[in-house]
Amino acid sequence: MAAVPLDWYLILAGLLFAIGTVGVLVSRNAIVILMAIELMLNAVNLTFVAFSHYMGKNDGQVLVFLVMTVAAAEAAVGLAIILNIFRTRESVNIDDINLMKW
């Protein structure tokens, strides 16, 4: 069975990161933006695991657990903030959210 080349993993990670970047820049829904950020973090995780495997070390896989922890905290805090904003503004559209007061 042939091994998958490192280039394929990096191309896939680059595509996932690009899709996530486009999702952050184009979307106006706060939940979709959080999902796009999660996609970008998973692309970075794929890169860490790919390089870790091909270099024969476990350092990248340890970093993946750190990134997953940060992503879980970001998702929990981000969704709590979005839920609170939805309760007050009744919208998750980022154009409708203006919490800064003069």
PDB file of N, CA and C in Angstrom:
ATOM      1  N   MET A   1       0.841  -1.168   0.000  1.00  0.00           N
ATOM      2  CA  MET A   1       0.000   0.000   0.000  1.00  0.00           C
ATOM      3  C   MET A   1       0.894   1.241   0.000  1.00  0.00           C
ATOM      4  N   ALA A   2       0.659   2.141  -0.932  1.00  0.00           N
ATOM      5  CA  ALA A   2       1.498   3.331  -1.072  1.00  0.00           C
ATOM      6  C   ALA A   2       1.094   4.398  -0.062  1.00  0.00           C
ATOM      7  N   ALA A   3       2.090   5.104   0.417  1.00  0.00           N
ATOM      8  CA  ALA A   3       1.841   6.188   1.365  1.00  0.00           C
ATOM      9  C   ALA A   3       1.389   7.438   0.608  1.00  0.00           C
ATOM     10  N   VAL A   4       0.576   8.218   1.249  1.00  0.00           N
ATOM     11  CA  VAL A   4       0.109   9.467   0.655  1.00  0.00           C
ATOM     12  C   VAL A   4       1.223  10.502   0.796  1.00  0.00           C
ATOM     13  N   PRO A   5       1.578  11.175  -0.306  1.00  0.00           N
ATOM     14  CA  PRO A   5       2.663  12.170  -0.201  1.00  0.00           C
ATOM     15  C   PRO A   5       2.273  13.363   0.666  1.00  0.00           C
ATOM     16  N   LEU A   6       3.288  13.993   1.235  1.00  0.00           N
ATOM     17  CA  LEU A   6       3.081  15.154   2.088  1.00  0.00           C
ATOM     18  C   LEU A   6       2.414  16.290   1.324  1.00  0.00           C
ATOM     19  N   ASP A   7       2.727  16.419   0.055  1.00  0.00           N
ATOM     20  CA  ASP A   7       2.155  17.502  -0.765  1.00  0.00           C
ATOM     21  C   ASP A   7       0.633  17.455  -0.771  1.00  0.00           C
ATOM     22  N   TRP A   8       0.058  16.279  -0.820  1.00  0.00           N
ATOM     23  CA  TRP A   8      -1.403  16.160  -0.873  1.00  0.00           C
ATOM     24  C   TRP A   8      -2.039  16.675   0.417  1.00  0.00           C
ATOM     25  N   TYR A   9      -1.420  16.353   1.541  1.00  0.00           N
ATOM     26  CA  TYR A   9      -1.934  16.856   2.816  1.00  0.00           C
ATOM     27  C   TYR A   9      -1.863  18.379   2.868  1.00  0.00           C
ATOM     28  N   LEU A  10      -0.742  18.915   2.387  1.00  0.00           N
ATOM     29  CA  LEU A  10      -0.571  20.367   2.427  1.00  0.00           C
ATOM     30  C   LEU A  10      -1.523  21.072   1.465  1.00  0.00           C
ATOM     31  N   ILE A  11      -1.781  20.478   0.317  1.00  0.00           N
ATOM     32  CA  ILE A  11      -2.747  21.056  -0.624  1.00  0.00           C
ATOM     33  C   ILE A  11      -4.146  21.038  -0.013  1.00  0.00           C
ATOM     34  N   LEU A  12      -4.522  19.917   0.588  1.00  0.00           N
ATOM     35  CA  LEU A  12      -5.832  19.834   1.234  1.00  0.00           C
ATOM     36  C   LEU A  12      -5.949  20.846   2.374  1.00  0.00           C
ATOM     37  N   ALA A  13      -4.909  20.965   3.185  1.00  0.00           N
ATOM     38  CA  ALA A  13      -4.930  21.933   4.285  1.00  0.00           C
ATOM     39  C   ALA A  13      -5.019  23.357   3.746  1.00  0.00           C
ATOM     40  N   GLY A  14      -4.315  23.637   2.659  1.00  0.00           N
ATOM     41  CA  GLY A  14      -4.392  24.966   2.053  1.00  0.00           C
ATOM     42  C   GLY A  14      -5.775  25.273   1.521  1.00  0.00           C
ATOM     43  N   LEU A  15      -6.402  24.280   0.888  1.00  0.00           N
ATOM     44  CA  LEU A  15      -7.771  24.475   0.390  1.00  0.00           C
ATOM     45  C   LEU A  15      -8.752  24.697   1.540  1.00  0.00           C
ATOM     46  N   LEU A  16      -8.634  23.911   2.594  1.00  0.00           N
ATOM     47  CA  LEU A  16      -9.512  24.084   3.751  1.00  0.00           C
ATOM     48  C   LEU A  16      -9.318  25.461   4.382  1.00  0.00           C
ATOM     49  N   PHE A  17      -8.064  25.901   4.485  1.00  0.00           N
ATOM     50  CA  PHE A  17      -7.797  27.209   5.064  1.00  0.00           C
ATOM     51  C   PHE A  17      -8.350  28.317   4.173  1.00  0.00           C
ATOM     52  N   ALA A  18      -8.218  28.156   2.857  1.00  0.00           N
ATOM     53  CA  ALA A  18      -8.750  29.159   1.930  1.00  0.00           C
ATOM     54  C   ALA A  18     -10.269  29.225   2.003  1.00  0.00           C
ATOM     55  N   ILE A  19     -10.928  28.078   2.093  1.00  0.00           N
ATOM     56  CA  ILE A  19     -12.384  28.051   2.219  1.00  0.00           C
ATOM     57  C   ILE A  19     -12.810  28.736   3.514  1.00  0.00           C
ATOM     58  N   GLY A  20     -12.091  28.479   4.594  1.00  0.00           N
ATOM     59  CA  GLY A  20     -12.389  29.132   5.862  1.00  0.00           C
ATOM     60  C   GLY A  20     -12.184  30.634   5.795  1.00  0.00           C
ATOM     61  N   THR A  21     -11.125  31.071   5.110  1.00  0.00           N
ATOM     62  CA  THR A  21     -10.866  32.503   4.976  1.00  0.00           C
ATOM     63  C   THR A  21     -11.970  33.184   4.179  1.00  0.00           C
ATOM     64  N   VAL A  22     -12.378  32.549   3.090  1.00  0.00           N
ATOM     65  CA  VAL A  22     -13.480  33.104   2.294  1.00  0.00           C
ATOM     66  C   VAL A  22     -14.761  33.145   3.125  1.00  0.00           C
ATOM     67  N   GLY A  23     -14.996  32.129   3.919  1.00  0.00           N
ATOM     68  CA  GLY A  23     -16.177  32.105   4.776  1.00  0.00           C
ATOM     69  C   GLY A  23     -16.181  33.234   5.790  1.00  0.00           C
ATOM     70  N   VAL A  24     -15.018  33.558   6.346  1.00  0.00           N
ATOM     71  CA  VAL A  24     -14.939  34.658   7.307  1.00  0.00           C
ATOM     72  C   VAL A  24     -15.149  36.003   6.609  1.00  0.00           C
ATOM     73  N   LEU A  25     -14.571  36.159   5.439  1.00  0.00           N
ATOM     74  CA  LEU A  25     -14.637  37.448   4.750  1.00  0.00           C
ATOM     75  C   LEU A  25     -15.985  37.719   4.096  1.00  0.00           C
ATOM     76  N   VAL A  26     -16.676  36.684   3.644  1.00  0.00           N
ATOM     77  CA  VAL A  26     -17.910  36.870   2.875  1.00  0.00           C
ATOM     78  C   VAL A  26     -19.159  36.824   3.745  1.00  0.00           C
ATOM     79  N   SER A  27     -19.155  35.976   4.750  1.00  0.00           N
ATOM     80  CA  SER A  27     -20.370  35.745   5.524  1.00  0.00           C
ATOM     81  C   SER A  27     -20.707  36.921   6.430  1.00  0.00           C
ATOM     82  N   ARG A  28     -21.985  37.116   6.660  1.00  0.00           N
ATOM     83  CA  ARG A  28     -22.476  38.140   7.572  1.00  0.00           C
ATOM     84  C   ARG A  28     -23.145  37.524   8.793  1.00  0.00           C
ATOM     85  N   ASN A  29     -23.196  36.203   8.859  1.00  0.00           N
ATOM     86  CA  ASN A  29     -23.797  35.494   9.978  1.00  0.00           C
ATOM     87  C   ASN A  29     -22.690  35.115  10.958  1.00  0.00           C
ATOM     88  N   ALA A  30     -22.855  35.478  12.228  1.00  0.00           N
ATOM     89  CA  ALA A  30     -21.812  35.248  13.221  1.00  0.00           C
ATOM     90  C   ALA A  30     -21.539  33.761  13.440  1.00  0.00           C
ATOM     91  N   ILE A  31     -22.553  32.931  13.365  1.00  0.00           N
ATOM     92  CA  ILE A  31     -22.360  31.494  13.564  1.00  0.00           C
ATOM     93  C   ILE A  31     -21.570  30.898  12.410  1.00  0.00           C
ATOM     94  N   VAL A  32     -21.844  31.330  11.199  1.00  0.00           N
ATOM     95  CA  VAL A  32     -21.094  30.840  10.031  1.00  0.00           C
ATOM     96  C   VAL A  32     -19.636  31.295  10.117  1.00  0.00           C
ATOM     97  N   ILE A  33     -19.403  32.489  10.624  1.00  0.00           N
ATOM     98  CA  ILE A  33     -18.033  32.968  10.785  1.00  0.00           C
ATOM     99  C   ILE A  33     -17.285  32.106  11.800  1.00  0.00           C
ATOM    100  N   LEU A  34     -17.930  31.743  12.897  1.00  0.00           N
ATOM    101  CA  LEU A  34     -17.287  30.845  13.868  1.00  0.00           C
ATOM    102  C   LEU A  34     -16.988  29.478  13.257  1.00  0.00           C
ATOM    103  N   MET A  35     -17.897  28.976  12.438  1.00  0.00           N
ATOM    104  CA  MET A  35     -17.657  27.689  11.770  1.00  0.00           C
ATOM    105  C   MET A  35     -16.488  27.793  10.798  1.00  0.00           C
ATOM    106  N   ALA A  36     -16.359  28.924  10.111  1.00  0.00           N
ATOM    107  CA  ALA A  36     -15.244  29.119   9.181  1.00  0.00           C
ATOM    108  C   ALA A  36     -13.920  29.194   9.932  1.00  0.00           C
ATOM    109  N   ILE A  37     -13.928  29.814  11.098  1.00  0.00           N
ATOM    110  CA  ILE A  37     -12.712  29.862  11.919  1.00  0.00           C
ATOM    111  C   ILE A  37     -12.335  28.462  12.382  1.00  0.00           C
ATOM    112  N   GLU A  38     -13.317  27.667  12.750  1.00  0.00           N
ATOM    113  CA  GLU A  38     -13.052  26.272  13.131  1.00  0.00           C
ATOM    114  C   GLU A  38     -12.454  25.488  11.962  1.00  0.00           C
ATOM    115  N   LEU A  39     -12.935  25.751  10.755  1.00  0.00           N
ATOM    116  CA  LEU A  39     -12.386  25.088   9.564  1.00  0.00           C
ATOM    117  C   LEU A  39     -10.924  25.476   9.361  1.00  0.00           C
ATOM    118  N   MET A  40     -10.621  26.735   9.581  1.00  0.00           N
ATOM    119  CA  MET A  40      -9.234  27.187   9.463  1.00  0.00           C
ATOM    120  C   MET A  40      -8.343  26.526  10.516  1.00  0.00           C
ATOM    121  N   LEU A  41      -8.841  26.396  11.738  1.00  0.00           N
ATOM    122  CA  LEU A  41      -8.058  25.732  12.786  1.00  0.00           C
ATOM    123  C   LEU A  41      -7.847  24.247  12.468  1.00  0.00           C
ATOM    124  N   ASN A  42      -8.841  23.605  11.873  1.00  0.00           N
ATOM    125  CA  ASN A  42      -8.682  22.201  11.488  1.00  0.00           C
ATOM    126  C   ASN A  42      -7.687  22.046  10.346  1.00  0.00           C
ATOM    127  N   ALA A  43      -7.594  23.036   9.465  1.00  0.00           N
ATOM    128  CA  ALA A  43      -6.581  23.002   8.408  1.00  0.00           C
ATOM    129  C   ALA A  43      -5.180  23.074   9.014  1.00  0.00           C
ATOM    130  N   VAL A  44      -5.021  23.905  10.021  1.00  0.00           N
ATOM    131  CA  VAL A  44      -3.732  23.995  10.716  1.00  0.00           C
ATOM    132  C   VAL A  44      -3.430  22.677  11.430  1.00  0.00           C
ATOM    133  N   ASN A  45      -4.445  22.069  12.035  1.00  0.00           N
ATOM    134  CA  ASN A  45      -4.251  20.766  12.687  1.00  0.00           C
ATOM    135  C   ASN A  45      -3.794  19.714  11.699  1.00  0.00           C
ATOM    136  N   LEU A  46      -4.385  19.698  10.513  1.00  0.00           N
ATOM    137  CA  LEU A  46      -3.983  18.738   9.482  1.00  0.00           C
ATOM    138  C   LEU A  46      -2.524  18.942   9.100  1.00  0.00           C
ATOM    139  N   THR A  47      -2.099  20.186   8.996  1.00  0.00           N
ATOM    140  CA  THR A  47      -0.704  20.479   8.675  1.00  0.00           C
ATOM    141  C   THR A  47       0.223  20.004   9.792  1.00  0.00           C
ATOM    142  N   PHE A  48      -0.155  20.269  11.046  1.00  0.00           N
ATOM    143  CA  PHE A  48       0.661  19.806  12.171  1.00  0.00           C
ATOM    144  C   PHE A  48       0.821  18.289  12.162  1.00  0.00           C
ATOM    145  N   VAL A  49      -0.271  17.577  11.953  1.00  0.00           N
ATOM    146  CA  VAL A  49      -0.219  16.111  11.964  1.00  0.00           C
ATOM    147  C   VAL A  49       0.589  15.578  10.787  1.00  0.00           C
ATOM    148  N   ALA A  50       0.420  16.191   9.618  1.00  0.00           N
ATOM    149  CA  ALA A  50       1.154  15.736   8.436  1.00  0.00           C
ATOM    150  C   ALA A  50       2.659  15.913   8.627  1.00  0.00           C
ATOM    151  N   PHE A  51       3.074  17.090   9.078  1.00  0.00           N
ATOM    152  CA  PHE A  51       4.499  17.301   9.301  1.00  0.00           C
ATOM    153  C   PHE A  51       5.027  16.434  10.429  1.00  0.00           C
ATOM    154  N   SER A  52       4.239  16.231  11.454  1.00  0.00           N
ATOM    155  CA  SER A  52       4.649  15.383  12.557  1.00  0.00           C
ATOM    156  C   SER A  52       4.879  13.947  12.092  1.00  0.00           C
ATOM    157  N   HIS A  53       3.982  13.463  11.256  1.00  0.00           N
ATOM    158  CA  HIS A  53       4.119  12.093  10.746  1.00  0.00           C
ATOM    159  C   HIS A  53       5.345  11.949   9.850  1.00  0.00           C
ATOM    160  N   TYR A  54       5.538  12.900   8.972  1.00  0.00           N
ATOM    161  CA  TYR A  54       6.638  12.771   8.021  1.00  0.00           C
ATOM    162  C   TYR A  54       7.995  13.083   8.633  1.00  0.00           C
ATOM    163  N   MET A  55       8.040  13.778   9.747  1.00  0.00           N
ATOM    164  CA  MET A  55       9.315  14.023  10.420  1.00  0.00           C
ATOM    165  C   MET A  55       9.599  12.952  11.476  1.00  0.00           C
ATOM    166  N   GLY A  56       8.603  12.135  11.777  1.00  0.00           N
ATOM    167  CA  GLY A  56       8.795  11.044  12.724  1.00  0.00           C
ATOM    168  C   GLY A  56       8.810  11.477  14.175  1.00  0.00           C
ATOM    169  N   LYS A  57       8.218  12.629  14.463  1.00  0.00           N
ATOM    170  CA  LYS A  57       8.167  13.115  15.840  1.00  0.00           C
ATOM    171  C   LYS A  57       6.718  13.314  16.241  1.00  0.00           C
ATOM    172  N   ASN A  58       6.482  13.421  17.531  1.00  0.00           N
ATOM    173  CA  ASN A  58       5.124  13.598  18.046  1.00  0.00           C
ATOM    174  C   ASN A  58       4.827  15.031  18.464  1.00  0.00           C
ATOM    175  N   ASP A  59       5.724  15.951  18.195  1.00  0.00           N
ATOM    176  CA  ASP A  59       5.540  17.335  18.632  1.00  0.00           C
ATOM    177  C   ASP A  59       4.304  17.968  17.989  1.00  0.00           C
ATOM    178  N   GLY A  60       4.087  17.716  16.708  1.00  0.00           N
ATOM    179  CA  GLY A  60       2.931  18.285  16.012  1.00  0.00           C
ATOM    180  C   GLY A  60       1.621  17.748  16.547  1.00  0.00           C
ATOM    181  N   GLN A  61       1.610  16.487  16.920  1.00  0.00           N
ATOM    182  CA  GLN A  61       0.393  15.895  17.444  1.00  0.00           C
ATOM    183  C   GLN A  61       0.063  16.450  18.826  1.00  0.00           C
ATOM    184  N   VAL A  62       1.070  16.801  19.597  1.00  0.00           N
ATOM    185  CA  VAL A  62       0.843  17.440  20.890  1.00  0.00           C
ATOM    186  C   VAL A  62       0.272  18.843  20.671  1.00  0.00           C
ATOM    187  N   LEU A  63       0.780  19.559  19.676  1.00  0.00           N
ATOM    188  CA  LEU A  63       0.257  20.888  19.367  1.00  0.00           C
ATOM    189  C   LEU A  63      -1.193  20.831  18.903  1.00  0.00           C
ATOM    190  N   VAL A  64      -1.574  19.741  18.256  1.00  0.00           N
ATOM    191  CA  VAL A  64      -2.963  19.586  17.812  1.00  0.00           C
ATOM    192  C   VAL A  64      -3.900  19.577  19.009  1.00  0.00           C
ATOM    193  N   PHE A  65      -3.504  18.919  20.089  1.00  0.00           N
ATOM    194  CA  PHE A  65      -4.347  18.917  21.290  1.00  0.00           C
ATOM    195  C   PHE A  65      -4.474  20.316  21.869  1.00  0.00           C
ATOM    196  N   LEU A  66      -3.396  21.100  21.812  1.00  0.00           N
ATOM    197  CA  LEU A  66      -3.462  22.486  22.272  1.00  0.00           C
ATOM    198  C   LEU A  66      -4.416  23.303  21.405  1.00  0.00           C
ATOM    199  N   VAL A  67      -4.321  23.150  20.093  1.00  0.00           N
ATOM    200  CA  VAL A  67      -5.192  23.888  19.171  1.00  0.00           C
ATOM    201  C   VAL A  67      -6.643  23.455  19.356  1.00  0.00           C
ATOM    202  N   MET A  68      -6.878  22.162  19.556  1.00  0.00           N
ATOM    203  CA  MET A  68      -8.246  21.686  19.766  1.00  0.00           C
ATOM    204  C   MET A  68      -8.828  22.247  21.060  1.00  0.00           C
ATOM    205  N   THR A  69      -8.009  22.384  22.082  1.00  0.00           N
ATOM    206  CA  THR A  69      -8.476  22.965  23.339  1.00  0.00           C
ATOM    207  C   THR A  69      -8.843  24.429  23.162  1.00  0.00           C
ATOM    208  N   VAL A  70      -7.997  25.166  22.460  1.00  0.00           N
ATOM    209  CA  VAL A  70      -8.289  26.572  22.195  1.00  0.00           C
ATOM    210  C   VAL A  70      -9.543  26.702  21.326  1.00  0.00           C
ATOM    211  N   ALA A  71      -9.696  25.816  20.336  1.00  0.00           N
ATOM    212  CA  ALA A  71     -10.877  25.857  19.466  1.00  0.00           C
ATOM    213  C   ALA A  71     -12.152  25.553  20.240  1.00  0.00           C
ATOM    214  N   ALA A  72     -12.087  24.615  21.167  1.00  0.00           N
ATOM    215  CA  ALA A  72     -13.274  24.298  21.966  1.00  0.00           C
ATOM    216  C   ALA A  72     -13.639  25.468  22.874  1.00  0.00           C
ATOM    217  N   ALA A  73     -12.642  26.094  23.470  1.00  0.00           N
ATOM    218  CA  ALA A  73     -12.921  27.255  24.314  1.00  0.00           C
ATOM    219  C   ALA A  73     -13.465  28.406  23.488  1.00  0.00           C
ATOM    220  N   GLU A  74     -12.903  28.610  22.299  1.00  0.00           N
ATOM    221  CA  GLU A  74     -13.380  29.668  21.405  1.00  0.00           C
ATOM    222  C   GLU A  74     -14.818  29.418  20.986  1.00  0.00           C
ATOM    223  N   ALA A  75     -15.145  28.180  20.692  1.00  0.00           N
ATOM    224  CA  ALA A  75     -16.509  27.857  20.288  1.00  0.00           C
ATOM    225  C   ALA A  75     -17.487  28.070  21.442  1.00  0.00           C
ATOM    226  N   ALA A  76     -17.109  27.651  22.632  1.00  0.00           N
ATOM    227  CA  ALA A  76     -18.008  27.803  23.785  1.00  0.00           C
ATOM    228  C   ALA A  76     -18.227  29.275  24.124  1.00  0.00           C
ATOM    229  N   VAL A  77     -17.149  30.032  24.197  1.00  0.00           N
ATOM    230  CA  VAL A  77     -17.275  31.451  24.541  1.00  0.00           C
ATOM    231  C   VAL A  77     -17.954  32.211  23.408  1.00  0.00           C
ATOM    232  N   GLY A  78     -17.574  31.916  22.164  1.00  0.00           N
ATOM    233  CA  GLY A  78     -18.184  32.592  21.019  1.00  0.00           C
ATOM    234  C   GLY A  78     -19.667  32.328  20.907  1.00  0.00           C
ATOM    235  N   LEU A  79     -20.079  31.090  21.093  1.00  0.00           N
ATOM    236  CA  LEU A  79     -21.508  30.783  21.032  1.00  0.00           C
ATOM    237  C   LEU A  79     -22.272  31.408  22.191  1.00  0.00           C
ATOM    238  N   ALA A  80     -21.653  31.488  23.356  1.00  0.00           N
ATOM    239  CA  ALA A  80     -22.316  32.153  24.493  1.00  0.00           C
ATOM    240  C   ALA A  80     -22.507  33.638  24.210  1.00  0.00           C
ATOM    241  N   ILE A  81     -21.508  34.262  23.628  1.00  0.00           N
ATOM    242  CA  ILE A  81     -21.631  35.688  23.284  1.00  0.00           C
ATOM    243  C   ILE A  81     -22.690  35.884  22.215  1.00  0.00           C
ATOM    244  N   ILE A  82     -22.687  35.030  21.200  1.00  0.00           N
ATOM    245  CA  ILE A  82     -23.679  35.148  20.126  1.00  0.00           C
ATOM    246  C   ILE A  82     -25.085  34.918  20.667  1.00  0.00           C
ATOM    247  N   LEU A  83     -25.235  33.962  21.560  1.00  0.00           N
ATOM    248  CA  LEU A  83     -26.546  33.707  22.159  1.00  0.00           C
ATOM    249  C   LEU A  83     -27.023  34.907  22.960  1.00  0.00           C
ATOM    250  N   ASN A  84     -26.128  35.532  23.705  1.00  0.00           N
ATOM    251  CA  ASN A  84     -26.488  36.720  24.478  1.00  0.00           C
ATOM    252  C   ASN A  84     -26.858  37.882  23.552  1.00  0.00           C
ATOM    253  N   ILE A  85     -26.118  38.045  22.471  1.00  0.00           N
ATOM    254  CA  ILE A  85     -26.440  39.105  21.508  1.00  0.00           C
ATOM    255  C   ILE A  85     -27.771  38.822  20.832  1.00  0.00           C
ATOM    256  N   PHE A  86     -28.048  37.556  20.523  1.00  0.00           N
ATOM    257  CA  PHE A  86     -29.313  37.208  19.896  1.00  0.00           C
ATOM    258  C   PHE A  86     -30.483  37.515  20.823  1.00  0.00           C
ATOM    259  N   ARG A  87     -30.299  37.291  22.117  1.00  0.00           N
ATOM    260  CA  ARG A  87     -31.378  37.573  23.074  1.00  0.00           C
ATOM    261  C   ARG A  87     -31.685  39.061  23.165  1.00  0.00           C
ATOM    262  N   THR A  88     -30.659  39.901  23.013  1.00  0.00           N
ATOM    263  CA  THR A  88     -30.893  41.339  23.119  1.00  0.00           C
ATOM    264  C   THR A  88     -31.256  41.977  21.786  1.00  0.00           C
ATOM    265  N   ARG A  89     -30.610  41.563  20.706  1.00  0.00           N
ATOM    266  CA  ARG A  89     -30.812  42.200  19.394  1.00  0.00           C
ATOM    267  C   ARG A  89     -31.729  41.416  18.465  1.00  0.00           C
ATOM    268  N   GLU A  90     -31.985  40.151  18.787  1.00  0.00           N
ATOM    269  CA  GLU A  90     -32.809  39.247  17.981  1.00  0.00           C
ATOM    270  C   GLU A  90     -32.275  39.078  16.565  1.00  0.00           C
ATOM    271  N   SER A  91     -30.960  39.070  16.430  1.00  0.00           N
ATOM    272  CA  SER A  91     -30.318  38.856  15.138  1.00  0.00           C
ATOM    273  C   SER A  91     -28.883  38.410  15.378  1.00  0.00           C
ATOM    274  N   VAL A  92     -28.377  37.543  14.499  1.00  0.00           N
ATOM    275  CA  VAL A  92     -26.973  37.157  14.549  1.00  0.00           C
ATOM    276  C   VAL A  92     -26.221  37.706  13.343  1.00  0.00           C
ATOM    277  N   ASN A  93     -26.847  38.612  12.612  1.00  0.00           N
ATOM    278  CA  ASN A  93     -26.199  39.276  11.490  1.00  0.00           C
ATOM    279  C   ASN A  93     -25.220  40.292  12.052  1.00  0.00           C
ATOM    280  N   ILE A  94     -23.962  40.219  11.630  1.00  0.00           N
ATOM    281  CA  ILE A  94     -22.959  41.098  12.227  1.00  0.00           C
ATOM    282  C   ILE A  94     -23.142  42.547  11.806  1.00  0.00           C
ATOM    283  N   ASP A  95     -23.858  42.806  10.735  1.00  0.00           N
ATOM    284  CA  ASP A  95     -24.150  44.192  10.351  1.00  0.00           C
ATOM    285  C   ASP A  95     -25.156  44.843  11.297  1.00  0.00           C
ATOM    286  N   ASP A  96     -26.030  44.029  11.896  1.00  0.00           N
ATOM    287  CA  ASP A  96     -27.048  44.539  12.819  1.00  0.00           C
ATOM    288  C   ASP A  96     -26.532  44.710  14.244  1.00  0.00           C
ATOM    289  N   ILE A  97     -25.365  44.183  14.519  1.00  0.00           N
ATOM    290  CA  ILE A  97     -24.829  44.204  15.879  1.00  0.00           C
ATOM    291  C   ILE A  97     -23.935  45.418  16.029  1.00  0.00           C
ATOM    292  N   ASN A  98     -24.351  46.340  16.865  1.00  0.00           N
ATOM    293  CA  ASN A  98     -23.548  47.509  17.176  1.00  0.00           C
ATOM    294  C   ASN A  98     -23.648  47.734  18.676  1.00  0.00           C
ATOM    295  N   LEU A  99     -22.713  47.167  19.394  1.00  0.00           N
ATOM    296  CA  LEU A  99     -22.767  47.238  20.843  1.00  0.00           C
ATOM    297  C   LEU A  99     -21.990  48.431  21.404  1.00  0.00           C
ATOM    298  N   MET A 100     -21.249  49.113  20.559  1.00  0.00           N
ATOM    299  CA  MET A 100     -20.494  50.272  21.005  1.00  0.00           C
ATOM    300  C   MET A 100     -21.423  51.456  21.139  1.00  0.00           C
ATOM    301  N   LYS A 101     -21.414  52.084  22.297  1.00  0.00           N
ATOM    302  CA  LYS A 101     -22.284  53.231  22.534  1.00  0.00           C
ATOM    303  C   LYS A 101     -21.422  54.471  22.744  1.00  0.00           C
ATOM    304  N   TRP A 102     -21.881  55.579  22.251  1.00  0.00           N
ATOM    305  CA  TRP A 102     -21.141  56.838  22.404  1.00  0.00           C
ATOM    306  C   TRP A 102     -21.478  57.462  23.706  1.00  0.00           C
TER     307      TRP A 102
END
